[in-house]
Amino acid sequence: MKKDLSSLTDVQYISILQQIGKDNHTFNFKHCKPVVRQQHRLINRENYPSDIDALVYLFKGLVLCERDFEWIGGSVAANIGIFRVIKSHFEIKCDHKRLNELIDWAVKNRGNNPYTPFGSIVYS
């Protein structure tokens, strides 16, 4: 990744986060300033992918970046909004095992934000 990037479009940012989620690590982007500094704290919902796998990779990328780059998001972290979209996705509604595996992954891989992934500290 180019180190001297000063800005990314929403779509480029999402693409990088999806790659991080797919790779399951942030190493390749540790010098990408727009990612490390969380250029897009909020992602335009119009740019969310509709494919469930792409959504999951985006969510995982956000969780890993929040942890590794010490992003501050609290109960309004971007990963929480994506998680809500995933949770309401028709493919996930039919696959509770996959949702539970994603929740387990998120809890094990999140950083210091106790609100990840639910938006609250207690899941109900």
Protein backbone atom coordinates (compact mmCIF):
# COMPACT_ATOMS: atom_id res chain seq x y z
CA MET A 1 0.00 0.00 0.00
CA LYS A 2 1.28 3.44 -0.86
CA LYS A 3 2.38 5.27 2.27
CA ASP A 4 1.87 8.76 0.89
CA LEU A 5 -1.87 8.55 0.28
CA SER A 6 -3.47 11.55 1.87
CA SER A 7 -7.10 10.77 1.14
CA LEU A 8 -9.37 7.95 0.01
CA THR A 9 -12.86 7.99 -1.44
CA ASP A 10 -15.58 6.19 0.50
CA VAL A 11 -15.46 3.34 -2.03
CA GLN A 12 -11.65 3.01 -1.82
CA TYR A 13 -11.83 3.06 1.97
CA ILE A 14 -14.48 0.32 2.00
CA SER A 15 -12.42 -1.76 -0.42
CA ILE A 16 -9.36 -1.56 1.82
CA LEU A 17 -11.40 -2.44 4.92
CA GLN A 18 -12.85 -5.44 3.10
CA GLN A 19 -9.36 -6.59 2.17
CA ILE A 20 -8.28 -6.26 5.81
CA GLY A 21 -11.30 -8.31 6.87
CA LYS A 22 -10.59 -10.94 4.23
CA ASP A 23 -6.90 -11.14 5.21
CA ASN A 24 -7.85 -11.08 8.91
CA HIS A 25 -5.03 -8.63 9.71
CA THR A 26 -4.13 -4.96 9.27
CA PHE A 27 -0.40 -5.42 8.61
CA ASN A 28 -0.46 -4.45 4.92
CA PHE A 29 -2.15 -1.13 5.71
CA LYS A 30 -0.29 -0.03 8.84
CA HIS A 31 1.27 2.85 6.87
CA CYS A 32 -1.89 3.94 5.05
CA LYS A 33 -2.66 7.20 6.83
CA PRO A 34 -6.34 7.49 5.79
CA VAL A 35 -6.98 4.05 7.31
CA VAL A 36 -4.80 4.40 10.41
CA ARG A 37 -6.35 7.81 11.15
CA GLN A 38 -9.88 6.60 10.34
CA GLN A 39 -10.54 9.10 7.54
CA HIS A 40 -14.17 7.99 7.21
CA ARG A 41 -15.59 7.68 10.70
CA LEU A 42 -18.99 7.20 9.14
CA ILE A 43 -19.49 5.27 5.94
CA ASN A 44 -22.28 6.42 3.65
CA ARG A 45 -24.95 3.74 3.76
CA GLU A 46 -25.44 4.08 0.01
CA ASN A 47 -21.94 2.61 -0.40
CA TYR A 48 -22.55 -0.46 1.78
CA PRO A 49 -22.19 -3.65 -0.23
CA SER A 50 -25.34 -5.74 -0.60
CA ASP A 51 -23.51 -9.08 -0.74
CA ILE A 52 -23.33 -10.75 2.68
CA ASP A 53 -19.70 -11.85 2.32
CA ALA A 54 -18.62 -8.33 1.37
CA LEU A 55 -20.53 -6.96 4.38
CA VAL A 56 -18.87 -9.47 6.70
CA TYR A 57 -15.40 -8.60 5.36
CA LEU A 58 -16.16 -4.90 5.83
CA PHE A 59 -17.32 -5.53 9.40
CA LYS A 60 -14.24 -7.60 10.21
CA GLY A 61 -11.97 -4.96 8.71
CA LEU A 62 -13.58 -2.28 10.85
CA VAL A 63 -13.24 -4.39 14.01
CA LEU A 64 -9.56 -5.15 13.33
CA CYS A 65 -8.75 -1.52 12.53
CA GLU A 66 -10.54 -0.31 15.65
CA ARG A 67 -8.40 -2.67 17.68
CA ASP A 68 -5.03 -2.30 15.93
CA PHE A 69 -5.14 1.43 15.21
CA GLU A 70 -6.90 2.30 18.49
CA TRP A 71 -9.82 4.01 16.82
CA ILE A 72 -12.27 5.64 19.19
CA GLY A 73 -15.87 4.85 18.37
CA GLY A 74 -17.76 3.79 21.47
CA SER A 75 -21.40 2.92 20.95
CA VAL A 76 -21.48 4.68 17.57
CA ALA A 77 -18.46 2.94 16.02
CA ALA A 78 -18.86 2.25 12.29
CA ASN A 79 -18.62 -1.51 12.82
CA ILE A 80 -21.81 -1.43 14.90
CA GLY A 81 -23.87 0.01 12.06
CA ILE A 82 -22.47 -2.59 9.66
CA PHE A 83 -23.22 -5.34 12.19
CA ARG A 84 -26.85 -4.22 12.35
CA VAL A 85 -27.10 -4.41 8.56
CA ILE A 86 -25.55 -7.90 8.63
CA LYS A 87 -27.92 -9.01 11.38
CA SER A 88 -30.94 -7.95 9.34
CA HIS A 89 -29.63 -9.37 6.04
CA PHE A 90 -31.93 -12.06 4.63
CA GLU A 91 -29.08 -14.58 4.27
CA ILE A 92 -28.05 -14.21 7.92
CA LYS A 93 -31.63 -14.42 9.19
CA CYS A 94 -31.66 -17.95 7.76
CA ASP A 95 -28.22 -18.86 9.12
CA HIS A 96 -28.07 -18.39 12.90
CA LYS A 97 -24.89 -20.47 13.11
CA ARG A 98 -23.05 -18.03 10.86
CA LEU A 99 -24.31 -15.06 12.88
CA ASN A 100 -23.20 -16.69 16.14
CA GLU A 101 -19.77 -17.43 14.66
CA LEU A 102 -19.43 -13.80 13.58
CA ILE A 103 -20.43 -12.57 17.05
CA ASP A 104 -17.89 -14.93 18.61
CA TRP A 105 -15.20 -13.71 16.20
CA ALA A 106 -16.01 -10.06 16.96
CA VAL A 107 -15.88 -10.50 20.73
CA LYS A 108 -12.56 -12.34 20.48
CA ASN A 109 -10.99 -9.84 18.08
CA ARG A 110 -12.35 -6.49 19.23
CA GLY A 111 -10.13 -3.94 20.89
CA ASN A 112 -11.04 -1.85 23.91
CA ASN A 113 -14.52 -0.95 22.73
CA PRO A 114 -16.98 -2.97 24.82
CA TYR A 115 -19.83 -1.78 22.56
CA THR A 116 -18.49 -3.78 19.60
CA PRO A 117 -20.42 -5.41 17.94
CA PHE A 118 -23.87 -4.77 19.47
CA GLY A 119 -23.88 -1.05 20.24
CA SER A 120 -24.43 -1.85 23.91
CA ILE A 121 -22.40 -3.67 26.51
CA VAL A 122 -25.11 -6.32 26.99
CA TYR A 123 -26.55 -8.28 24.10
CA SER A 124 -30.27 -8.75 24.17
